N, C-alpha and C. Protein backbone atom coordinates (compact mmCIF):
# COMPACT_ATOMS: atom_id res chain seq x y z
N MET A 1 21.56 106.53 -100.92
CA MET A 1 22.45 105.53 -100.71
C MET A 1 22.10 105.38 -99.02
N SER A 2 22.16 104.00 -98.65
CA SER A 2 21.97 103.89 -97.20
C SER A 2 23.27 103.99 -96.39
N GLN A 3 22.80 104.57 -94.90
CA GLN A 3 24.17 104.60 -94.42
C GLN A 3 24.61 103.43 -93.53
N PRO A 4 26.09 103.43 -93.55
CA PRO A 4 26.34 101.59 -92.77
C PRO A 4 25.63 101.91 -91.47
N MET A 5 25.27 100.53 -91.20
CA MET A 5 24.97 100.28 -89.85
C MET A 5 25.83 100.63 -88.64
N GLN A 6 25.51 101.36 -87.47
CA GLN A 6 26.54 101.41 -86.70
C GLN A 6 26.19 100.20 -85.49
N HIS A 7 27.52 99.68 -85.07
CA HIS A 7 27.35 98.64 -83.92
C HIS A 7 27.90 99.28 -83.01
N SER A 8 26.90 99.15 -81.84
CA SER A 8 27.81 99.24 -80.61
C SER A 8 27.83 97.95 -79.74
N ALA A 9 29.29 98.30 -79.13
CA ALA A 9 29.55 96.91 -78.31
C ALA A 9 28.57 96.77 -77.23
N VAL A 10 28.31 95.09 -77.23
CA VAL A 10 27.60 94.71 -76.33
C VAL A 10 27.82 94.34 -75.11
N ASP A 11 27.54 94.24 -73.89
CA ASP A 11 28.08 93.57 -72.46
C ASP A 11 27.00 92.75 -72.20
N VAL A 12 27.48 91.52 -72.41
CA VAL A 12 26.58 90.55 -72.25
C VAL A 12 25.91 90.25 -70.81
N ASP A 13 26.94 90.88 -69.74
CA ASP A 13 26.48 90.98 -68.48
C ASP A 13 25.20 91.69 -68.18
N GLU A 14 25.06 92.57 -69.08
CA GLU A 14 23.72 93.36 -69.07
C GLU A 14 22.91 93.12 -69.90
N LEU A 15 22.70 91.92 -70.58
CA LEU A 15 21.63 91.52 -71.26
C LEU A 15 20.66 91.06 -70.32
N GLU A 16 19.17 90.95 -70.87
CA GLU A 16 18.22 90.68 -69.96
C GLU A 16 18.33 89.19 -69.98
N VAL A 17 18.07 88.22 -68.58
CA VAL A 17 18.16 87.11 -68.48
C VAL A 17 16.70 86.65 -68.62
N VAL A 18 15.98 85.94 -69.30
CA VAL A 18 14.59 85.45 -69.08
C VAL A 18 14.86 83.99 -68.20
N ASP A 19 13.73 83.95 -66.98
CA ASP A 19 13.72 82.87 -66.46
C ASP A 19 13.33 81.53 -67.32
N GLY A 20 13.81 80.77 -66.87
CA GLY A 20 13.74 79.35 -67.61
C GLY A 20 12.22 78.52 -66.93
N ARG A 21 11.75 77.55 -67.56
CA ARG A 21 10.70 76.61 -67.12
C ARG A 21 10.89 76.40 -65.58
N ALA A 22 10.12 76.33 -64.87
CA ALA A 22 9.83 75.84 -63.55
C ALA A 22 10.32 74.65 -63.41
N TYR A 23 11.31 74.11 -62.75
CA TYR A 23 11.89 72.72 -62.63
C TYR A 23 10.68 71.84 -61.72
N GLU A 24 10.12 70.76 -62.11
CA GLU A 24 9.15 69.86 -61.62
C GLU A 24 10.02 68.75 -61.33
N ASN A 25 9.82 68.30 -60.15
CA ASN A 25 10.40 66.96 -59.64
C ASN A 25 9.66 65.82 -60.07
N LEU A 26 9.86 65.02 -61.29
CA LEU A 26 9.00 63.87 -61.67
C LEU A 26 9.69 62.54 -61.06
N GLU A 27 11.13 62.48 -60.64
CA GLU A 27 11.29 61.25 -60.20
C GLU A 27 10.43 60.46 -59.16
N GLY A 28 10.14 59.24 -60.09
CA GLY A 28 9.05 58.53 -58.54
C GLY A 28 7.77 58.82 -58.95
N TRP A 29 7.59 59.66 -59.77
CA TRP A 29 5.76 59.94 -59.92
C TRP A 29 5.24 58.92 -60.85
N VAL A 30 3.88 58.47 -60.44
CA VAL A 30 2.98 57.69 -61.24
C VAL A 30 1.79 58.11 -61.33
N PRO A 31 1.46 58.89 -62.66
CA PRO A 31 0.47 59.82 -62.34
C PRO A 31 -0.89 58.81 -62.62
N THR A 32 -2.03 59.83 -62.15
CA THR A 32 -3.56 58.94 -62.38
C THR A 32 -3.77 58.99 -63.93
N LEU A 33 -3.95 58.14 -64.52
CA LEU A 33 -4.27 57.89 -66.00
C LEU A 33 -5.88 57.97 -66.10
N ALA A 34 -6.87 58.82 -65.38
CA ALA A 34 -7.96 58.30 -65.25
C ALA A 34 -8.76 58.92 -66.61
N SER A 35 -8.45 59.80 -67.26
CA SER A 35 -9.17 60.35 -68.28
C SER A 35 -7.96 60.72 -69.66
N ASP A 36 -8.38 60.93 -70.81
CA ASP A 36 -7.79 61.16 -71.92
C ASP A 36 -6.78 62.30 -71.63
N GLU A 37 -7.10 63.14 -70.81
CA GLU A 37 -6.32 64.48 -70.79
C GLU A 37 -5.10 64.38 -70.06
N GLU A 38 -5.79 63.20 -69.00
CA GLU A 38 -4.47 62.98 -67.59
C GLU A 38 -3.41 62.50 -68.34
N LEU A 39 -3.73 61.49 -69.22
CA LEU A 39 -2.85 60.75 -70.19
C LEU A 39 -1.65 61.58 -70.93
N ARG A 40 -2.85 62.52 -71.87
CA ARG A 40 -2.16 63.55 -72.57
C ARG A 40 -1.12 64.28 -71.82
N GLU A 41 -1.21 64.89 -70.64
CA GLU A 41 -0.43 65.72 -69.88
C GLU A 41 0.77 65.15 -69.55
N ALA A 42 0.34 63.40 -68.78
CA ALA A 42 1.61 62.82 -68.13
C ALA A 42 2.81 62.53 -69.46
N LEU A 43 2.05 62.46 -70.62
CA LEU A 43 2.90 61.83 -71.83
C LEU A 43 3.93 63.07 -72.43
N GLU A 44 3.20 64.24 -72.26
CA GLU A 44 3.76 65.63 -72.31
C GLU A 44 5.19 65.90 -71.55
N LYS A 45 4.98 65.43 -70.28
CA LYS A 45 6.01 65.46 -69.33
C LYS A 45 6.86 64.47 -69.26
N ALA A 46 6.50 63.29 -69.83
CA ALA A 46 7.52 62.26 -70.19
C ALA A 46 8.34 62.54 -70.85
N PHE A 47 7.89 63.37 -72.30
CA PHE A 47 8.90 63.71 -73.41
C PHE A 47 9.75 64.90 -72.69
N ASP A 48 9.22 65.92 -71.85
CA ASP A 48 10.22 66.79 -71.43
C ASP A 48 11.31 66.20 -70.28
N TYR A 49 10.76 65.15 -69.72
CA TYR A 49 11.61 64.42 -68.65
C TYR A 49 13.17 63.70 -69.09
N ARG A 50 14.04 64.15 -68.60
CA ARG A 50 15.47 63.69 -69.00
C ARG A 50 16.02 62.29 -68.59
N GLY A 51 15.30 61.69 -68.35
CA GLY A 51 15.34 60.52 -67.72
C GLY A 51 14.40 59.18 -68.26
N ASP A 52 14.65 57.89 -67.68
CA ASP A 52 13.86 56.92 -68.41
C ASP A 52 12.58 56.65 -67.54
N ILE A 53 11.53 56.21 -68.28
CA ILE A 53 10.11 55.80 -67.85
C ILE A 53 9.83 54.49 -67.86
N SER A 54 8.85 54.44 -67.21
CA SER A 54 8.34 52.58 -67.55
C SER A 54 7.23 52.66 -68.02
N LEU A 55 6.86 52.41 -69.16
CA LEU A 55 5.66 52.39 -69.57
C LEU A 55 4.80 50.70 -69.72
N THR A 56 4.00 50.72 -69.17
CA THR A 56 3.12 49.57 -69.30
C THR A 56 1.96 49.63 -70.04
N PHE A 57 1.92 48.45 -71.16
CA PHE A 57 1.22 48.56 -72.13
C PHE A 57 -0.44 47.83 -71.77
N LYS A 58 -1.61 48.05 -72.25
CA LYS A 58 -2.66 47.77 -71.97
C LYS A 58 -2.59 45.92 -72.34
N ASN A 59 -1.99 45.62 -72.99
CA ASN A 59 -1.44 43.93 -73.30
C ASN A 59 -0.45 43.28 -72.18
N GLY A 60 -0.33 44.23 -71.18
CA GLY A 60 0.59 43.76 -69.80
C GLY A 60 2.18 43.61 -70.42
N GLU A 61 2.50 44.04 -71.58
CA GLU A 61 4.08 44.28 -71.77
C GLU A 61 4.40 45.82 -70.87
N ARG A 62 5.91 45.62 -70.40
CA ARG A 62 6.22 46.93 -69.76
C ARG A 62 7.49 47.12 -70.14
N VAL A 63 7.85 48.22 -70.75
CA VAL A 63 9.22 48.79 -71.22
C VAL A 63 10.09 49.65 -70.47
N GLU A 64 11.29 49.99 -70.25
CA GLU A 64 11.67 50.75 -69.66
C GLU A 64 12.10 51.62 -71.24
N ALA A 65 11.89 52.94 -71.15
CA ALA A 65 12.22 53.88 -72.00
C ALA A 65 12.42 55.13 -71.82
N TYR A 66 13.28 55.60 -72.95
CA TYR A 66 13.45 57.18 -72.94
C TYR A 66 12.66 57.69 -74.20
N VAL A 67 11.60 58.57 -73.85
CA VAL A 67 10.51 59.21 -75.21
C VAL A 67 11.35 60.68 -75.56
N PHE A 68 11.74 60.16 -77.03
CA PHE A 68 12.12 61.27 -77.59
C PHE A 68 11.40 62.13 -78.62
N ASN A 69 9.81 61.81 -78.55
CA ASN A 69 9.09 62.35 -79.97
C ASN A 69 7.90 61.88 -79.64
N ARG A 70 6.81 62.62 -79.63
CA ARG A 70 5.37 62.74 -79.55
C ARG A 70 4.78 63.51 -80.57
N GLN A 71 3.67 62.79 -80.84
CA GLN A 71 2.53 63.32 -82.17
C GLN A 71 1.32 63.21 -81.56
N THR A 72 0.53 64.26 -81.24
CA THR A 72 -0.70 64.38 -80.92
C THR A 72 -1.97 64.46 -81.90
N GLY A 73 -2.96 63.92 -81.68
CA GLY A 73 -3.95 63.80 -82.74
C GLY A 73 -5.35 64.03 -81.95
N ASP A 74 -6.09 64.06 -82.72
CA ASP A 74 -7.47 64.45 -82.04
C ASP A 74 -8.35 63.02 -81.28
N SER A 75 -7.57 61.89 -81.28
CA SER A 75 -8.08 61.11 -80.45
C SER A 75 -6.77 60.42 -79.98
N LEU A 76 -6.95 59.49 -78.74
CA LEU A 76 -5.60 58.77 -78.61
C LEU A 76 -5.06 57.87 -79.43
N ALA A 77 -6.21 57.27 -80.17
CA ALA A 77 -5.94 56.41 -81.18
C ALA A 77 -4.86 56.77 -82.61
N ASN A 78 -4.94 58.11 -82.64
CA ASN A 78 -4.09 58.49 -83.59
C ASN A 78 -2.97 59.82 -83.03
N SER A 79 -2.43 59.30 -81.86
CA SER A 79 -1.55 60.06 -81.24
C SER A 79 -0.69 58.97 -80.45
N TYR A 80 0.86 59.45 -80.74
CA TYR A 80 1.91 58.22 -80.35
C TYR A 80 2.54 58.87 -79.63
N VAL A 81 3.50 58.02 -79.03
CA VAL A 81 5.10 58.56 -78.71
C VAL A 81 6.00 57.64 -79.23
N GLN A 82 7.44 58.16 -79.51
CA GLN A 82 8.07 57.76 -80.03
C GLN A 82 9.37 57.32 -78.70
N TYR A 83 10.02 56.16 -78.66
CA TYR A 83 10.91 56.03 -77.44
C TYR A 83 11.98 55.01 -78.17
N PHE A 84 13.19 55.12 -77.28
CA PHE A 84 13.92 53.93 -77.40
C PHE A 84 13.92 53.18 -75.70
N ALA A 85 13.70 51.74 -76.20
CA ALA A 85 13.83 50.84 -75.12
C ALA A 85 15.03 50.72 -74.75
N ALA A 86 15.12 50.59 -73.49
CA ALA A 86 16.38 49.99 -72.48
C ALA A 86 16.99 48.75 -73.35
N ASN A 87 16.12 47.97 -73.59
CA ASN A 87 16.66 46.64 -73.96
C ASN A 87 16.80 46.58 -75.83
N ALA A 88 16.29 47.51 -76.26
CA ALA A 88 16.58 47.06 -77.68
C ALA A 88 17.25 48.36 -78.51
N PRO A 89 18.06 48.35 -79.63
CA PRO A 89 18.59 49.57 -80.13
C PRO A 89 17.78 50.24 -80.95
N ASP A 90 16.74 49.67 -81.69
CA ASP A 90 15.84 50.51 -82.36
C ASP A 90 15.23 51.30 -81.73
N ARG A 91 14.58 52.41 -82.34
CA ARG A 91 13.52 53.42 -81.71
C ARG A 91 12.26 52.86 -82.00
N ARG A 92 10.97 52.95 -81.28
CA ARG A 92 9.68 52.37 -81.22
C ARG A 92 8.69 53.19 -81.25
N LYS A 93 7.58 52.88 -81.53
CA LYS A 93 6.45 53.94 -81.60
C LYS A 93 5.49 53.11 -80.87
N VAL A 94 4.11 53.71 -79.96
CA VAL A 94 3.37 53.42 -79.42
C VAL A 94 2.06 54.20 -79.39
N SER A 95 0.91 53.75 -79.92
CA SER A 95 0.08 54.84 -79.61
C SER A 95 -0.51 54.88 -78.10
N TYR A 96 -0.84 56.13 -78.09
CA TYR A 96 -1.35 56.73 -76.54
C TYR A 96 -2.49 55.80 -76.10
N ALA A 97 -3.27 55.32 -76.90
CA ALA A 97 -4.40 54.48 -76.82
C ALA A 97 -4.23 52.80 -75.97
N ASP A 98 -2.65 52.73 -76.36
CA ASP A 98 -2.07 51.41 -76.02
C ASP A 98 -1.61 51.60 -74.64
N ILE A 99 -1.29 52.77 -74.27
CA ILE A 99 -0.76 52.96 -72.85
C ILE A 99 -1.66 52.73 -71.44
N ALA A 100 -1.31 51.88 -70.46
CA ALA A 100 -2.03 51.53 -69.49
C ALA A 100 -1.51 52.46 -68.29
N ARG A 101 -0.05 52.61 -68.11
CA ARG A 101 0.62 53.05 -67.21
C ARG A 101 2.02 53.62 -67.40
N ILE A 102 2.07 54.42 -66.67
CA ILE A 102 3.42 55.54 -66.81
C ILE A 102 4.02 55.57 -65.73
N GLU A 103 5.33 55.54 -65.45
CA GLU A 103 6.03 55.88 -64.20
C GLU A 103 6.93 56.16 -64.20
N PHE A 104 7.74 57.26 -63.68
CA PHE A 104 9.01 58.23 -63.96
C PHE A 104 9.96 57.25 -63.27
N THR A 105 10.73 56.53 -63.53
CA THR A 105 11.43 55.57 -62.71
C THR A 105 12.61 55.79 -62.82
N GLY A 106 13.31 56.39 -63.90
CA GLY A 106 14.81 56.76 -63.95
C GLY A 106 14.97 58.07 -63.80
N LYS A 107 16.28 58.26 -62.95
CA LYS A 107 17.03 59.48 -62.67
C LYS A 107 16.87 60.48 -63.69
N ASP A 108 16.54 61.72 -63.17
CA ASP A 108 16.28 62.69 -64.02
C ASP A 108 17.68 63.42 -64.41
N ARG A 109 18.10 63.18 -65.40
CA ARG A 109 19.41 63.50 -65.59
C ARG A 109 19.74 65.06 -65.71
N ALA A 110 18.51 65.84 -65.77
CA ALA A 110 18.78 67.42 -65.94
C ALA A 110 18.76 68.00 -64.35
N VAL A 111 18.32 67.30 -63.56
CA VAL A 111 18.65 67.85 -62.36
C VAL A 111 19.82 68.46 -61.69
N GLY A 112 19.89 69.81 -61.33
CA GLY A 112 21.11 70.18 -61.04
C GLY A 112 21.94 70.88 -62.03
N LYS A 113 21.51 70.57 -63.35
CA LYS A 113 22.14 71.07 -64.50
C LYS A 113 21.53 72.02 -65.86
N HIS A 114 20.79 73.07 -64.68
CA HIS A 114 20.04 73.86 -65.37
C HIS A 114 21.12 75.27 -65.65
N TRP A 115 20.73 76.16 -66.97
CA TRP A 115 21.46 77.12 -67.17
C TRP A 115 21.63 78.51 -66.30
N GLU A 116 20.64 78.37 -65.31
CA GLU A 116 20.90 79.31 -64.02
C GLU A 116 21.84 79.03 -63.23
N ALA A 117 22.13 77.58 -63.24
CA ALA A 117 23.31 77.33 -62.32
C ALA A 117 24.48 77.57 -62.68
N TRP A 118 24.68 77.41 -64.09
CA TRP A 118 25.84 77.88 -64.94
C TRP A 118 25.99 79.17 -64.83
N VAL A 119 25.11 79.94 -64.95
CA VAL A 119 25.16 81.61 -65.04
C VAL A 119 25.77 82.06 -63.29
N LYS A 120 25.21 81.30 -62.77
CA LYS A 120 25.70 81.66 -60.85
C LYS A 120 27.08 81.34 -61.06
N LYS A 121 27.58 80.30 -61.38
CA LYS A 121 28.84 79.90 -61.45
C LYS A 121 29.68 80.74 -61.79
N TYR A 122 29.18 81.17 -63.29
CA TYR A 122 30.16 82.37 -63.87
C TYR A 122 30.26 83.63 -63.13
N TYR A 123 29.09 84.26 -62.19
CA TYR A 123 28.93 85.27 -61.63
C TYR A 123 29.90 85.40 -60.50
N GLU A 124 29.97 84.19 -59.96
CA GLU A 124 30.90 83.99 -58.80
C GLU A 124 31.92 83.73 -58.93
N LYS A 125 32.75 83.26 -59.87
CA LYS A 125 34.09 83.42 -60.86
C LYS A 125 34.56 85.05 -60.89
N LYS A 126 33.70 85.32 -61.65
CA LYS A 126 33.69 86.82 -61.90
C LYS A 126 34.08 87.48 -61.03
N ALA A 127 33.21 87.38 -59.96
CA ALA A 127 33.26 88.29 -59.04
C ALA A 127 34.52 87.90 -57.91
N ALA A 128 34.90 86.61 -58.15
CA ALA A 128 36.36 86.58 -57.28
C ALA A 128 37.54 87.01 -58.34
N GLY A 129 37.16 87.97 -59.00
CA GLY A 129 38.42 88.20 -60.03
C GLY A 129 38.96 87.44 -60.98
N GLU A 130 38.21 86.25 -61.57
CA GLU A 130 39.01 85.02 -62.28
C GLU A 130 39.09 85.71 -63.74
N THR A 131 39.71 85.48 -64.34
CA THR A 131 39.60 85.66 -66.01
C THR A 131 39.81 84.48 -66.65
N ASN A 132 39.18 84.65 -68.00
CA ASN A 132 39.22 83.62 -69.07
C ASN A 132 38.27 82.51 -68.31
N ILE A 133 37.24 82.69 -68.05
CA ILE A 133 36.51 82.06 -67.29
C ILE A 133 35.71 80.98 -68.28
N ALA A 134 35.68 79.79 -68.08
CA ALA A 134 34.56 79.03 -69.08
C ALA A 134 33.99 78.25 -68.17
N LEU A 135 32.48 77.97 -68.76
CA LEU A 135 31.57 77.09 -68.00
C LEU A 135 31.64 75.77 -68.27
N HIS A 136 32.16 74.55 -67.74
CA HIS A 136 31.88 73.46 -68.37
C HIS A 136 30.57 72.80 -67.74
N PRO A 137 29.68 71.63 -68.83
CA PRO A 137 28.47 71.22 -68.19
C PRO A 137 29.35 70.07 -67.39
N GLU A 138 28.55 69.72 -66.24
CA GLU A 138 28.89 68.32 -65.45
C GLU A 138 28.64 67.36 -65.94
N ALA A 139 29.22 66.31 -65.47
CA ALA A 139 29.07 64.94 -66.04
C ALA A 139 27.56 64.30 -65.53
N LEU A 140 27.40 63.43 -66.71
CA LEU A 140 25.85 62.70 -66.29
C LEU A 140 26.01 61.56 -65.45
N ASP A 141 27.34 61.25 -64.79
CA ASP A 141 27.63 59.90 -64.15
C ASP A 141 28.36 58.95 -64.98
């Protein structure tokens, strides 16, 4: 017969904290898209970006968009991004091969709202002797 598992109390303040991904300020960036790889890298960053971007397609159309998904294939023609356009309620999809320009035009909504900032506030409140500490996210504007 197996023995019951012993659980010890865990002090969350003693847990290891892993560094988050380094923040890269992309607001205002217009990447050079001279190669397929540069386009792929820029679209990966657009996917991680928490703000709107401007996409200009090879047919000249330009949209303000929020990229929420992407699928990479073995060529630009069978890779795509899905996005919400600022002026349309439905989600849209475009092939990487149809994108001529990317501009990181919208405000990055994640700036200053990192987990590390929340943890710092927690420890400051704890050091000040506060009890019943609750951390709440900052407003997005």
